[in-house]
N, C-alpha and C. Protein backbone atom coordinates (compact mmCIF):
# COMPACT_ATOMS: atom_id res chain seq x y z
N MET A 1 -14.29 -48.91 -4.93
CA MET A 1 -13.16 -48.15 -5.44
C MET A 1 -13.61 -47.23 -6.52
N THR A 2 -14.68 -47.45 -7.40
CA THR A 2 -15.28 -46.59 -8.33
C THR A 2 -15.72 -45.26 -7.78
N GLY A 3 -16.32 -45.33 -6.48
CA GLY A 3 -16.80 -44.01 -6.11
C GLY A 3 -15.47 -42.99 -5.76
N LYS A 4 -14.46 -43.72 -5.09
CA LYS A 4 -13.35 -42.86 -4.87
C LYS A 4 -12.67 -42.46 -6.00
N ASN A 5 -12.61 -43.22 -7.09
CA ASN A 5 -12.01 -42.88 -8.39
C ASN A 5 -12.74 -41.49 -8.97
N ASP A 6 -14.17 -41.57 -8.79
CA ASP A 6 -14.92 -40.70 -9.31
C ASP A 6 -14.89 -39.27 -8.64
N SER A 7 -14.56 -39.31 -7.24
CA SER A 7 -14.51 -38.22 -6.28
C SER A 7 -13.10 -37.74 -6.54
N ARG A 8 -12.13 -38.38 -6.98
CA ARG A 8 -10.68 -37.72 -7.55
C ARG A 8 -10.75 -37.11 -8.39
N LYS A 9 -11.63 -37.75 -9.77
CA LYS A 9 -11.64 -37.17 -10.87
C LYS A 9 -12.42 -35.58 -10.80
N ARG A 10 -13.45 -35.50 -9.89
CA ARG A 10 -14.15 -34.40 -9.71
C ARG A 10 -13.34 -33.36 -9.04
N ALA A 11 -12.58 -33.89 -8.10
CA ALA A 11 -11.50 -33.13 -7.45
C ALA A 11 -10.55 -32.45 -8.31
N GLY A 12 -10.24 -33.39 -9.29
CA GLY A 12 -9.13 -32.90 -10.28
C GLY A 12 -9.50 -31.81 -11.13
N LYS A 13 -10.88 -32.04 -11.69
CA LYS A 13 -11.52 -31.03 -12.36
C LYS A 13 -11.70 -29.50 -11.87
N LYS A 14 -12.24 -29.72 -10.53
CA LYS A 14 -12.20 -28.53 -9.75
C LYS A 14 -10.80 -27.77 -9.78
N HIS A 15 -9.60 -28.47 -9.41
CA HIS A 15 -8.62 -27.92 -9.39
C HIS A 15 -8.04 -27.43 -10.65
N ASP A 16 -8.44 -28.04 -11.81
CA ASP A 16 -8.09 -27.64 -13.23
C ASP A 16 -8.66 -26.06 -13.45
N ARG A 17 -9.96 -26.19 -12.99
CA ARG A 17 -10.84 -25.13 -13.21
C ARG A 17 -10.30 -23.87 -12.33
N ARG A 18 -9.69 -24.18 -11.13
CA ARG A 18 -9.25 -23.02 -10.32
C ARG A 18 -7.90 -22.66 -10.74
N LYS A 19 -7.10 -23.52 -11.45
CA LYS A 19 -5.98 -23.19 -11.76
C LYS A 19 -6.11 -22.43 -13.10
N LYS A 20 -7.13 -22.57 -13.80
CA LYS A 20 -7.24 -21.81 -15.17
C LYS A 20 -7.84 -20.31 -14.71
N PHE A 21 -8.55 -20.30 -13.70
CA PHE A 21 -9.01 -18.91 -13.16
C PHE A 21 -7.82 -18.08 -12.73
N GLU A 22 -6.92 -18.89 -11.94
CA GLU A 22 -5.78 -18.09 -11.21
C GLU A 22 -4.77 -17.58 -12.25
N THR A 23 -4.63 -18.15 -13.44
CA THR A 23 -3.73 -17.74 -14.35
C THR A 23 -4.49 -16.95 -15.59
N ARG A 24 -5.65 -16.52 -15.28
CA ARG A 24 -6.45 -15.71 -16.45
C ARG A 24 -5.88 -14.33 -16.01
N THR A 25 -5.52 -13.61 -17.02
CA THR A 25 -5.12 -12.09 -16.87
C THR A 25 -6.52 -11.19 -16.95
N PRO A 26 -6.56 -10.33 -16.10
CA PRO A 26 -7.71 -9.33 -16.20
C PRO A 26 -7.62 -8.58 -17.25
N ILE A 27 -8.67 -8.17 -18.12
CA ILE A 27 -8.56 -7.71 -19.30
C ILE A 27 -8.05 -6.44 -19.38
N LEU A 28 -8.16 -5.49 -18.31
CA LEU A 28 -7.45 -4.16 -18.19
C LEU A 28 -6.11 -4.18 -17.62
N GLY A 29 -5.65 -5.44 -17.16
CA GLY A 29 -4.30 -5.57 -16.72
C GLY A 29 -4.13 -5.91 -15.20
N TYR A 30 -3.02 -6.51 -14.98
CA TYR A 30 -2.67 -6.91 -13.64
C TYR A 30 -1.35 -6.11 -13.45
N TYR A 31 -1.38 -5.27 -12.48
CA TYR A 31 -0.25 -4.18 -12.11
C TYR A 31 0.48 -4.88 -10.99
N LEU A 32 1.82 -5.07 -11.15
CA LEU A 32 2.53 -5.63 -10.03
C LEU A 32 3.48 -4.31 -9.62
N ILE A 33 3.34 -3.78 -8.39
CA ILE A 33 4.00 -2.43 -8.20
C ILE A 33 4.80 -2.79 -6.96
N VAL A 34 6.22 -2.83 -7.17
CA VAL A 34 7.07 -3.02 -6.18
C VAL A 34 7.84 -1.84 -5.85
N THR A 35 7.88 -1.76 -4.45
CA THR A 35 8.52 -0.49 -3.82
C THR A 35 9.45 -0.87 -2.76
N ASP A 36 10.47 -0.03 -2.45
CA ASP A 36 11.32 -0.22 -1.37
C ASP A 36 10.75 0.50 0.03
N ALA A 37 9.66 1.28 -0.16
CA ALA A 37 9.21 1.96 1.06
C ALA A 37 8.42 1.15 2.15
N GLU A 38 8.36 1.50 3.28
CA GLU A 38 7.52 0.73 4.27
C GLU A 38 6.00 1.18 4.07
N GLU A 39 5.82 2.50 3.99
CA GLU A 39 4.41 2.90 4.15
C GLU A 39 4.00 3.94 2.81
N THR A 40 4.50 5.14 2.72
CA THR A 40 4.08 6.09 1.85
C THR A 40 3.62 5.64 0.61
N GLU A 41 4.41 5.12 -0.24
CA GLU A 41 4.04 4.65 -1.53
C GLU A 41 3.11 3.40 -1.52
N LYS A 42 3.33 2.65 -0.66
CA LYS A 42 2.34 1.45 -0.39
C LYS A 42 1.03 1.93 -0.27
N ASN A 43 0.76 2.87 0.87
CA ASN A 43 -0.47 3.38 1.19
C ASN A 43 -1.21 4.26 0.04
N TYR A 44 -0.09 4.90 -0.70
CA TYR A 44 -0.98 5.69 -1.96
C TYR A 44 -1.56 4.70 -2.83
N PHE A 45 -0.61 3.65 -3.16
CA PHE A 45 -1.25 3.06 -4.37
C PHE A 45 -2.42 1.79 -3.83
N GLU A 46 -2.27 1.56 -2.53
CA GLU A 46 -3.45 0.85 -2.07
C GLU A 46 -4.62 1.60 -1.94
N GLY A 47 -4.53 2.89 -1.74
CA GLY A 47 -5.73 3.80 -1.86
C GLY A 47 -6.39 3.84 -3.34
N LEU A 48 -5.15 3.80 -4.29
CA LEU A 48 -5.81 3.97 -5.57
C LEU A 48 -6.39 2.78 -5.86
N LYS A 49 -5.88 1.51 -5.59
CA LYS A 49 -6.50 0.26 -5.98
C LYS A 49 -7.87 0.20 -5.15
N ASN A 50 -8.00 0.57 -4.05
CA ASN A 50 -9.38 0.82 -3.29
C ASN A 50 -10.42 1.44 -3.86
N SER A 51 -9.88 2.52 -4.80
CA SER A 51 -10.83 3.56 -5.48
C SER A 51 -11.36 2.88 -6.90
N ILE A 52 -10.91 1.81 -7.09
CA ILE A 52 -11.46 1.03 -8.47
C ILE A 52 -12.86 0.65 -8.17
N PRO A 53 -13.81 1.10 -8.97
CA PRO A 53 -15.29 0.73 -8.76
C PRO A 53 -15.33 -0.82 -8.58
N THR A 54 -16.30 -1.24 -7.90
CA THR A 54 -16.48 -2.66 -7.59
C THR A 54 -16.74 -3.40 -9.02
N ALA A 55 -17.44 -2.74 -9.90
CA ALA A 55 -17.73 -3.58 -11.24
C ALA A 55 -16.55 -3.67 -12.09
N LEU A 56 -15.42 -3.14 -11.83
CA LEU A 56 -14.07 -3.23 -12.58
C LEU A 56 -13.04 -4.04 -11.69
N ARG A 57 -13.32 -4.49 -10.53
CA ARG A 57 -12.29 -5.17 -9.68
C ARG A 57 -11.77 -6.62 -10.15
N ASP A 58 -12.68 -7.08 -11.18
CA ASP A 58 -12.08 -8.46 -11.74
C ASP A 58 -11.53 -8.10 -13.16
N ARG A 59 -11.25 -6.91 -13.50
CA ARG A 59 -10.84 -6.53 -14.87
C ARG A 59 -9.47 -5.73 -14.61
N ILE A 60 -9.24 -5.24 -13.65
CA ILE A 60 -7.97 -4.61 -13.23
C ILE A 60 -7.51 -5.09 -11.89
N VAL A 61 -6.37 -5.47 -11.67
CA VAL A 61 -5.95 -5.83 -10.43
C VAL A 61 -4.49 -4.98 -10.38
N ILE A 62 -4.50 -4.60 -8.95
CA ILE A 62 -3.32 -3.91 -8.47
C ILE A 62 -2.80 -4.58 -7.29
N ARG A 63 -1.45 -4.95 -7.32
CA ARG A 63 -0.78 -5.84 -6.23
C ARG A 63 0.58 -4.96 -5.82
N VAL A 64 0.51 -4.50 -4.62
CA VAL A 64 1.58 -3.67 -4.09
C VAL A 64 2.47 -4.45 -3.13
N GLU A 65 3.86 -4.61 -3.57
CA GLU A 65 4.48 -5.52 -2.85
C GLU A 65 5.87 -4.56 -2.28
N LYS A 66 6.65 -5.11 -1.20
CA LYS A 66 7.86 -4.45 -0.73
C LYS A 66 9.16 -5.33 -1.06
N ALA A 67 9.89 -4.65 -1.61
CA ALA A 67 11.32 -5.32 -1.74
C ALA A 67 11.91 -5.27 -0.35
N LYS A 68 12.91 -5.99 0.01
CA LYS A 68 13.60 -6.04 1.15
C LYS A 68 14.57 -4.79 1.16
N THR A 69 15.28 -4.43 0.04
CA THR A 69 16.17 -3.19 -0.09
C THR A 69 16.00 -2.62 -1.42
N THR A 70 16.26 -1.21 -1.69
CA THR A 70 16.41 -0.80 -3.06
C THR A 70 17.05 -1.41 -3.73
N TYR A 71 18.16 -2.27 -3.47
CA TYR A 71 19.10 -2.77 -4.54
C TYR A 71 18.49 -4.17 -4.97
N ASN A 72 17.48 -4.62 -4.46
CA ASN A 72 17.13 -5.90 -5.05
C ASN A 72 15.47 -5.59 -5.63
N LEU A 73 15.34 -4.43 -5.89
CA LEU A 73 14.09 -4.00 -6.49
C LEU A 73 13.68 -4.77 -7.67
N VAL A 74 14.68 -4.82 -8.59
CA VAL A 74 14.48 -5.48 -9.79
C VAL A 74 14.50 -6.95 -9.83
N SER A 75 15.38 -7.67 -9.10
CA SER A 75 15.35 -9.06 -8.82
C SER A 75 14.09 -9.70 -8.13
N HIS A 76 13.59 -8.81 -7.22
CA HIS A 76 12.47 -9.27 -6.51
C HIS A 76 11.24 -9.14 -7.51
N THR A 77 11.11 -8.09 -8.34
CA THR A 77 10.04 -7.90 -9.24
C THR A 77 9.97 -9.07 -10.22
N ILE A 78 11.30 -9.63 -10.75
CA ILE A 78 11.46 -10.54 -11.62
C ILE A 78 10.83 -11.71 -11.12
N GLU A 79 11.34 -12.08 -9.87
CA GLU A 79 10.87 -13.10 -8.99
C GLU A 79 9.30 -13.35 -8.81
N LEU A 80 8.79 -12.29 -8.61
CA LEU A 80 7.37 -12.20 -8.28
C LEU A 80 6.73 -12.36 -9.67
N CYS A 81 7.17 -11.79 -10.84
CA CYS A 81 6.47 -11.92 -12.13
C CYS A 81 6.57 -13.49 -12.41
N GLY A 82 7.47 -14.25 -12.02
CA GLY A 82 7.65 -15.63 -12.36
C GLY A 82 7.04 -16.74 -11.55
N GLU A 83 6.15 -15.99 -10.52
CA GLU A 83 5.42 -17.00 -9.66
C GLU A 83 4.36 -17.69 -10.42
N THR A 84 3.77 -17.13 -11.36
CA THR A 84 2.69 -17.79 -12.02
C THR A 84 2.66 -17.52 -13.55
N ALA A 85 1.85 -18.08 -14.24
CA ALA A 85 1.88 -17.92 -15.60
C ALA A 85 1.07 -16.60 -16.15
N GLN A 86 0.58 -15.95 -15.09
CA GLN A 86 -0.41 -14.83 -15.10
C GLN A 86 0.49 -13.57 -15.75
N GLN A 87 0.13 -13.11 -16.82
CA GLN A 87 0.88 -11.90 -17.49
C GLN A 87 0.53 -10.86 -16.46
N ARG A 88 1.77 -10.18 -16.14
CA ARG A 88 1.59 -8.93 -15.25
C ARG A 88 2.32 -7.76 -15.84
N ILE A 89 2.01 -6.55 -15.37
CA ILE A 89 2.49 -5.32 -15.93
C ILE A 89 3.33 -4.83 -14.70
N PRO A 90 4.81 -5.03 -14.83
CA PRO A 90 5.70 -4.72 -13.70
C PRO A 90 6.15 -3.20 -13.56
N TRP A 91 5.92 -2.78 -12.24
CA TRP A 91 6.64 -1.60 -12.05
C TRP A 91 7.39 -1.45 -10.83
N ILE A 92 8.49 -0.72 -10.62
CA ILE A 92 9.19 -0.64 -9.52
C ILE A 92 9.01 1.05 -9.24
N VAL A 93 8.85 1.34 -7.93
CA VAL A 93 8.45 2.78 -7.37
C VAL A 93 9.63 2.95 -6.52
N PHE A 94 10.49 4.06 -6.61
CA PHE A 94 11.30 4.22 -5.51
C PHE A 94 11.89 5.90 -5.64
N ASP A 95 12.61 6.22 -4.83
CA ASP A 95 13.15 7.64 -4.56
C ASP A 95 14.42 7.73 -4.93
N ARG A 96 14.97 8.88 -5.34
CA ARG A 96 16.44 9.23 -5.28
C ARG A 96 17.18 9.08 -4.03
N ASP A 97 16.60 9.81 -2.99
CA ASP A 97 17.10 9.79 -1.52
C ASP A 97 18.47 9.77 -1.58
N GLN A 98 18.93 8.62 -0.77
CA GLN A 98 20.55 8.57 -0.78
C GLN A 98 20.97 7.40 -1.60
N VAL A 99 20.30 6.96 -2.63
CA VAL A 99 20.66 5.70 -3.48
C VAL A 99 21.85 6.22 -4.16
N LYS A 100 22.85 5.39 -4.10
CA LYS A 100 23.99 5.60 -4.86
C LYS A 100 23.97 5.27 -6.23
N ASP A 101 23.23 4.14 -6.68
CA ASP A 101 23.36 3.58 -8.03
C ASP A 101 21.79 3.93 -8.47
N PHE A 102 21.26 5.16 -8.41
CA PHE A 102 19.82 5.54 -8.83
C PHE A 102 19.70 5.28 -10.28
N ASP A 103 20.59 5.76 -11.09
CA ASP A 103 20.33 5.65 -12.45
C ASP A 103 20.81 4.23 -13.01
N GLY A 104 21.63 3.58 -12.36
CA GLY A 104 21.85 2.26 -12.65
C GLY A 104 20.65 1.16 -12.30
N ILE A 105 19.97 1.53 -11.45
CA ILE A 105 18.86 0.70 -10.91
C ILE A 105 17.81 0.87 -11.99
N ILE A 106 17.67 2.15 -12.50
CA ILE A 106 16.57 2.43 -13.37
C ILE A 106 17.07 1.74 -14.60
N SER A 107 18.12 1.87 -15.22
CA SER A 107 18.67 1.30 -16.47
C SER A 107 18.48 -0.19 -16.37
N GLU A 108 18.89 -0.94 -15.36
CA GLU A 108 18.75 -2.29 -15.09
C GLU A 108 17.29 -2.73 -15.35
N ALA A 109 16.40 -2.03 -14.69
CA ALA A 109 14.99 -2.11 -14.61
C ALA A 109 14.51 -2.22 -16.14
N ILE A 110 14.66 -1.18 -16.73
CA ILE A 110 14.25 -0.87 -18.21
C ILE A 110 14.76 -2.09 -19.12
N LYS A 111 16.06 -2.47 -18.82
CA LYS A 111 16.59 -3.47 -19.64
C LYS A 111 15.92 -5.02 -19.47
N SER A 112 15.40 -4.95 -18.19
CA SER A 112 14.77 -6.13 -17.83
C SER A 112 13.15 -6.23 -18.16
N GLY A 113 12.79 -5.26 -18.82
CA GLY A 113 11.36 -5.11 -19.29
C GLY A 113 10.39 -4.60 -18.12
N ILE A 114 10.98 -3.91 -17.06
CA ILE A 114 10.19 -3.58 -15.93
C ILE A 114 10.17 -1.93 -16.02
N ASN A 115 8.80 -1.47 -15.82
CA ASN A 115 8.61 -0.08 -15.89
C ASN A 115 9.26 0.71 -14.45
N VAL A 116 9.35 1.88 -14.69
CA VAL A 116 10.00 2.57 -13.46
C VAL A 116 9.35 3.90 -13.20
N GLY A 117 8.83 3.95 -11.88
CA GLY A 117 8.24 5.28 -11.26
C GLY A 117 9.35 5.78 -10.40
N TRP A 118 10.23 6.55 -10.76
CA TRP A 118 10.94 7.18 -9.75
C TRP A 118 10.89 8.70 -9.44
N SER A 119 11.27 8.89 -8.38
CA SER A 119 11.12 10.35 -7.79
C SER A 119 12.24 10.96 -7.25
N ASN A 120 12.51 12.22 -7.58
CA ASN A 120 13.84 12.81 -7.23
C ASN A 120 13.33 14.16 -6.34
N PRO A 121 13.69 14.32 -5.19
CA PRO A 121 14.33 13.45 -4.31
C PRO A 121 13.45 12.36 -3.49
N CYS A 122 12.21 12.43 -3.48
CA CYS A 122 11.42 11.65 -3.03
C CYS A 122 9.93 11.54 -3.28
N PHE A 123 9.22 10.62 -3.07
CA PHE A 123 7.78 10.38 -3.62
C PHE A 123 6.91 11.67 -3.01
N GLU A 124 7.29 12.28 -2.05
CA GLU A 124 6.37 13.51 -1.43
C GLU A 124 6.38 14.54 -2.40
N ILE A 125 7.32 14.67 -3.47
CA ILE A 125 7.22 15.78 -4.31
C ILE A 125 6.31 15.45 -5.58
N TRP A 126 5.94 14.15 -5.58
CA TRP A 126 4.65 13.96 -6.38
C TRP A 126 3.46 14.59 -5.97
N MET A 127 3.21 14.13 -4.36
CA MET A 127 2.01 14.42 -3.67
C MET A 127 1.86 15.87 -3.58
N TYR A 128 3.08 16.68 -3.44
CA TYR A 128 3.08 18.01 -3.37
C TYR A 128 2.39 18.61 -4.78
N ALA A 129 2.55 18.05 -5.75
CA ALA A 129 1.98 18.39 -7.11
C ALA A 129 0.58 18.61 -7.01
N TYR A 130 -0.19 17.73 -6.19
CA TYR A 130 -1.43 17.70 -5.99
C TYR A 130 -2.13 19.16 -5.41
N PHE A 131 -1.11 19.77 -4.73
CA PHE A 131 -1.55 21.15 -4.26
C PHE A 131 -1.17 22.31 -5.05
N GLY A 132 -0.84 22.04 -6.34
CA GLY A 132 -0.54 22.94 -7.31
C GLY A 132 0.82 23.47 -7.53
N GLU A 133 1.90 22.94 -6.82
CA GLU A 133 3.19 23.14 -7.04
C GLU A 133 4.18 22.09 -6.69
N MET A 134 5.31 22.22 -7.47
CA MET A 134 6.36 21.43 -7.17
C MET A 134 7.66 21.95 -6.87
N PRO A 135 7.96 22.57 -5.81
CA PRO A 135 9.06 23.41 -5.43
C PRO A 135 10.37 22.60 -5.89
N ASN A 136 11.49 23.49 -6.08
CA ASN A 136 12.91 22.90 -6.14
C ASN A 136 13.32 22.60 -4.65
N ILE A 137 13.46 21.20 -4.52
CA ILE A 137 13.94 20.78 -3.16
C ILE A 137 14.92 19.65 -3.56
N VAL A 138 16.08 19.74 -2.89
CA VAL A 138 17.42 18.85 -3.34
C VAL A 138 17.19 17.66 -2.48
N ASP A 139 16.98 17.65 -1.31
CA ASP A 139 17.09 16.38 -0.27
C ASP A 139 15.90 16.21 0.09
N SER A 140 15.64 14.68 0.39
CA SER A 140 14.37 14.15 0.80
C SER A 140 13.97 14.69 2.25
N VAL A 141 14.73 14.94 3.12
CA VAL A 141 14.32 15.20 4.30
C VAL A 141 13.73 16.59 4.45
N SER A 142 14.32 17.70 3.55
CA SER A 142 13.56 18.88 3.44
C SER A 142 12.26 18.75 2.67
N CYS A 143 12.34 17.56 1.73
CA CYS A 143 11.20 17.58 0.76
C CYS A 143 9.86 17.17 1.72
N CYS A 144 10.18 16.11 2.53
CA CYS A 144 9.33 15.59 3.46
C CYS A 144 8.73 16.71 4.44
N LYS A 145 9.70 17.50 4.95
CA LYS A 145 9.13 18.52 5.89
C LYS A 145 8.24 19.63 5.30
N ARG A 146 8.86 20.02 4.19
CA ARG A 146 7.91 21.11 3.37
C ARG A 146 6.61 20.61 3.09
N PHE A 147 6.60 19.41 2.52
CA PHE A 147 5.37 18.69 2.01
C PHE A 147 4.45 18.51 3.28
N ALA A 148 5.06 18.02 4.53
CA ALA A 148 4.31 18.03 5.66
C ALA A 148 3.60 19.52 6.14
N ASP A 149 4.21 20.38 5.93
CA ASP A 149 3.99 21.87 6.26
C ASP A 149 2.68 22.17 5.37
N LYS A 150 2.95 22.00 4.00
CA LYS A 150 1.96 22.19 3.07
C LYS A 150 0.58 21.45 3.21
N TYR A 151 0.91 20.14 3.58
CA TYR A 151 -0.25 19.29 3.64
C TYR A 151 -1.24 19.60 4.84
N GLU A 152 -0.47 20.08 5.81
CA GLU A 152 -1.35 20.38 7.23
C GLU A 152 -1.99 21.86 6.85
N LYS A 153 -1.35 22.66 6.13
CA LYS A 153 -1.88 23.91 5.62
C LYS A 153 -3.15 23.81 4.88
N VAL A 154 -2.99 23.00 3.83
CA VAL A 154 -4.20 22.80 2.91
C VAL A 154 -5.32 21.93 3.57
N THR A 155 -5.01 20.86 4.25
CA THR A 155 -6.00 19.83 4.63
C THR A 155 -6.40 20.01 6.28
N GLY A 156 -5.58 20.80 7.02
CA GLY A 156 -5.82 20.85 8.50
C GLY A 156 -5.39 19.53 9.16
N LYS A 157 -4.83 18.55 8.53
CA LYS A 157 -4.34 17.52 9.08
C LYS A 157 -2.84 17.33 9.11
N LYS A 158 -2.48 16.59 10.24
CA LYS A 158 -1.08 16.41 10.26
C LYS A 158 -0.50 15.26 9.40
N TYR A 159 0.65 15.48 8.47
CA TYR A 159 0.86 14.44 7.61
C TYR A 159 1.63 13.39 8.24
N ARG A 160 1.19 11.99 8.02
CA ARG A 160 1.90 10.88 8.66
C ARG A 160 2.02 9.97 7.35
N LYS A 161 3.09 9.52 7.46
CA LYS A 161 3.60 8.50 6.41
C LYS A 161 2.77 7.18 6.43
N ASN A 162 2.26 6.72 7.67
CA ASN A 162 1.39 5.49 7.88
C ASN A 162 -0.04 5.79 7.35
N ASP A 163 -0.26 6.90 7.09
CA ASP A 163 -1.81 7.33 6.80
C ASP A 163 -2.32 6.58 5.67
N SER A 164 -3.10 5.40 6.02
CA SER A 164 -3.70 4.56 4.91
C SER A 164 -4.71 5.46 4.03
N GLY A 165 -5.10 6.61 4.33
CA GLY A 165 -6.00 7.25 3.84
C GLY A 165 -5.57 8.74 2.79
N ILE A 166 -4.01 8.43 2.70
CA ILE A 166 -3.52 9.62 1.95
C ILE A 166 -4.03 9.67 0.63
N TYR A 167 -4.25 8.68 -0.22
CA TYR A 167 -4.72 8.77 -1.55
C TYR A 167 -6.22 9.57 -1.51
N ASP A 168 -6.98 9.25 -0.70
CA ASP A 168 -8.18 9.96 -0.64
C ASP A 168 -8.24 11.47 -0.33
N THR A 169 -7.41 11.63 0.64
CA THR A 169 -7.11 13.04 1.20
C THR A 169 -6.52 14.02 0.11
N LEU A 170 -5.59 13.52 -0.68
CA LEU A 170 -4.89 14.26 -1.86
C LEU A 170 -5.90 14.68 -2.69
N ASN A 171 -6.76 13.66 -3.26
CA ASN A 171 -7.94 13.84 -4.05
C ASN A 171 -8.87 14.86 -3.60
N GLN A 172 -9.33 14.65 -2.33
CA GLN A 172 -10.10 15.54 -1.64
C GLN A 172 -9.78 17.01 -1.79
N PHE A 173 -8.57 17.22 -1.28
CA PHE A 173 -8.15 18.77 -0.93
C PHE A 173 -7.15 19.01 -2.08
N GLY A 174 -6.82 18.22 -3.08
CA GLY A 174 -5.96 18.53 -4.05
C GLY A 174 -6.58 18.25 -5.32
N ASP A 175 -5.67 17.95 -6.41
CA ASP A 175 -6.26 17.77 -8.00
C ASP A 175 -5.25 16.96 -8.72
N PHE A 176 -5.60 15.72 -9.18
CA PHE A 176 -4.73 14.80 -9.95
C PHE A 176 -4.35 15.46 -11.15
N LYS A 177 -5.39 16.26 -11.92
CA LYS A 177 -5.05 16.74 -13.15
C LYS A 177 -3.98 17.79 -13.06
N THR A 178 -3.99 18.71 -12.12
CA THR A 178 -2.92 19.74 -11.71
C THR A 178 -1.70 18.82 -11.51
N ALA A 179 -1.75 18.08 -10.72
CA ALA A 179 -0.48 17.39 -10.50
C ALA A 179 0.17 16.72 -11.65
N LEU A 180 -0.72 16.11 -12.54
CA LEU A 180 -0.15 15.60 -13.90
C LEU A 180 0.33 16.60 -14.61
N SER A 181 -0.22 17.74 -14.82
CA SER A 181 0.33 18.87 -15.68
C SER A 181 1.67 19.44 -15.11
N ILE A 182 1.75 19.40 -13.79
CA ILE A 182 2.99 19.97 -13.30
C ILE A 182 4.08 18.98 -13.54
N ALA A 183 3.71 17.89 -13.10
CA ALA A 183 4.89 16.40 -13.44
C ALA A 183 5.34 16.35 -14.83
N GLU A 184 4.44 16.58 -15.85
CA GLU A 184 4.72 16.46 -17.21
C GLU A 184 5.66 17.53 -17.62
N ARG A 185 5.39 18.91 -17.14
CA ARG A 185 6.25 19.89 -17.45
C ARG A 185 7.74 19.65 -16.93
N ARG A 186 7.69 19.24 -15.69
CA ARG A 186 9.00 19.22 -15.26
C ARG A 186 9.80 18.00 -15.91
N GLU A 187 9.08 17.03 -16.04
CA GLU A 187 9.75 15.89 -16.81
C GLU A 187 10.18 16.38 -18.21
N LYS A 188 9.32 16.98 -18.75
CA LYS A 188 9.73 17.45 -20.19
C LYS A 188 11.01 18.46 -20.07
N SER A 189 11.18 19.39 -19.19
CA SER A 189 12.10 20.29 -19.14
C SER A 189 13.34 19.64 -18.64
N ALA A 190 13.39 18.40 -17.70
CA ALA A 190 14.50 17.70 -17.29
C ALA A 190 15.12 17.07 -18.66
N GLY A 191 14.14 16.57 -19.55
CA GLY A 191 14.55 15.72 -20.81
C GLY A 191 15.29 16.71 -21.73
N GLU A 192 14.66 17.94 -21.99
CA GLU A 192 15.49 18.91 -22.71
C GLU A 192 16.79 19.37 -22.43
N LYS A 193 16.99 19.31 -20.96
CA LYS A 193 18.22 19.75 -20.44
C LYS A 193 19.23 18.50 -20.54
N GLY A 194 18.77 17.38 -20.90
CA GLY A 194 19.52 16.19 -21.11
C GLY A 194 19.96 15.54 -19.41
N GLN A 195 19.26 15.86 -18.66
CA GLN A 195 19.31 15.39 -17.28
C GLN A 195 19.17 13.86 -17.05
N LYS A 196 20.15 13.28 -16.25
CA LYS A 196 19.85 11.74 -15.90
C LYS A 196 18.81 12.18 -14.69
N PRO A 197 18.05 10.78 -14.33
CA PRO A 197 17.23 11.00 -13.25
C PRO A 197 17.74 11.51 -12.06
N SER A 198 18.97 10.96 -11.74
CA SER A 198 19.67 11.53 -10.49
C SER A 198 19.89 13.02 -10.60
N GLU A 199 19.82 13.67 -11.84
CA GLU A 199 20.23 15.16 -11.82
C GLU A 199 19.08 15.98 -11.87
N ALA A 200 17.95 15.24 -12.14
CA ALA A 200 16.46 15.92 -12.39
C ALA A 200 15.94 16.33 -10.88
N ILE A 201 16.29 17.35 -10.33
CA ILE A 201 15.68 17.80 -9.25
C ILE A 201 14.31 18.07 -9.19
N SER A 202 13.66 17.79 -8.09
CA SER A 202 12.14 17.97 -8.03
C SER A 202 11.22 17.50 -9.46
N VAL A 203 11.72 16.31 -9.84
CA VAL A 203 11.08 15.57 -11.10
C VAL A 203 10.53 14.22 -10.68
N THR A 204 9.57 13.77 -11.07
CA THR A 204 8.94 12.52 -10.80
C THR A 204 8.46 11.97 -12.18
N VAL A 205 8.31 10.67 -12.15
CA VAL A 205 7.61 9.99 -13.59
C VAL A 205 6.58 9.16 -12.94
N VAL A 206 6.23 9.18 -11.74
CA VAL A 206 5.12 8.31 -11.17
C VAL A 206 3.91 8.59 -11.87
N HIS A 207 3.69 9.85 -12.37
CA HIS A 207 2.59 10.03 -12.99
C HIS A 207 2.17 9.31 -14.03
N HIS A 208 2.96 8.61 -14.74
CA HIS A 208 2.87 7.68 -16.01
C HIS A 208 2.05 6.58 -15.45
N LEU A 209 2.46 5.90 -14.45
CA LEU A 209 1.61 4.83 -13.73
C LEU A 209 0.30 5.06 -13.28
N VAL A 210 0.16 6.34 -12.56
CA VAL A 210 -1.13 6.62 -11.98
C VAL A 210 -2.22 6.94 -13.28
N LYS A 211 -1.62 7.82 -14.28
CA LYS A 211 -2.44 8.02 -15.44
C LYS A 211 -2.80 6.94 -16.24
N GLU A 212 -2.11 6.00 -16.35
CA GLU A 212 -2.40 4.72 -17.17
C GLU A 212 -3.45 3.88 -16.50
N ILE A 213 -3.46 3.82 -15.06
CA ILE A 213 -4.28 3.20 -14.28
C ILE A 213 -5.61 3.94 -14.32
N LEU A 214 -5.61 5.08 -13.97
CA LEU A 214 -6.78 6.01 -14.01
C LEU A 214 -7.59 6.04 -15.30
N ASP A 215 -6.56 5.96 -16.37
CA ASP A 215 -7.49 5.93 -17.80
C ASP A 215 -8.11 4.64 -17.98
N LYS A 216 -7.63 3.71 -17.52
CA LYS A 216 -8.31 2.36 -17.72
C LYS A 216 -9.57 2.25 -16.89
N ILE A 217 -9.50 2.73 -15.83
CA ILE A 217 -10.50 2.99 -14.70
C ILE A 217 -11.85 3.73 -15.42
N GLU A 218 -11.33 4.95 -15.93
CA GLU A 218 -12.44 5.83 -16.64
C GLU A 218 -13.00 5.34 -17.78
């Protein structure tokens, strides 16, 4: 009987140690990024995640998840944050596109302590900035098409939403600092005009999330 009890105690100690490890927060942050997109945003942030140097991968964690719909982005993020005691830095990333309550979702997220990386009209307007411009484009269909044309012209490759290497390609043929500068100017201009996110055409705030992570990596 003693042998069994000892083995159970050892197993319990191992379980306790594992539990402590699982709830330990990486010193540079655990980023939970929830998006409503099937591919583009997920591939971009997975690429950013994979760019983290090996030596830092236990210090900064990026987890990208997909919500079932745009309208449960906030509730799904809250649910994921409550899974463990581990402290997380929550973000939702989504597009204006045809979302009816775009401003309302942003407001709900902020009230819930969730950071928001929105793009108007779509995420491609942020990637467009890597190539030195962020043209005024009202709708997401036109934005995707014009970005695809620009992407092929600059890289010589066809743009595919399911391209897992999109992040690396943007950094190879484009420039993050240029994109950051353009995005900051556009956001500032929209703020000076008093525009709501739904009114801020060809504006994105995704750069805040990307810059925060890159600053920590560097």
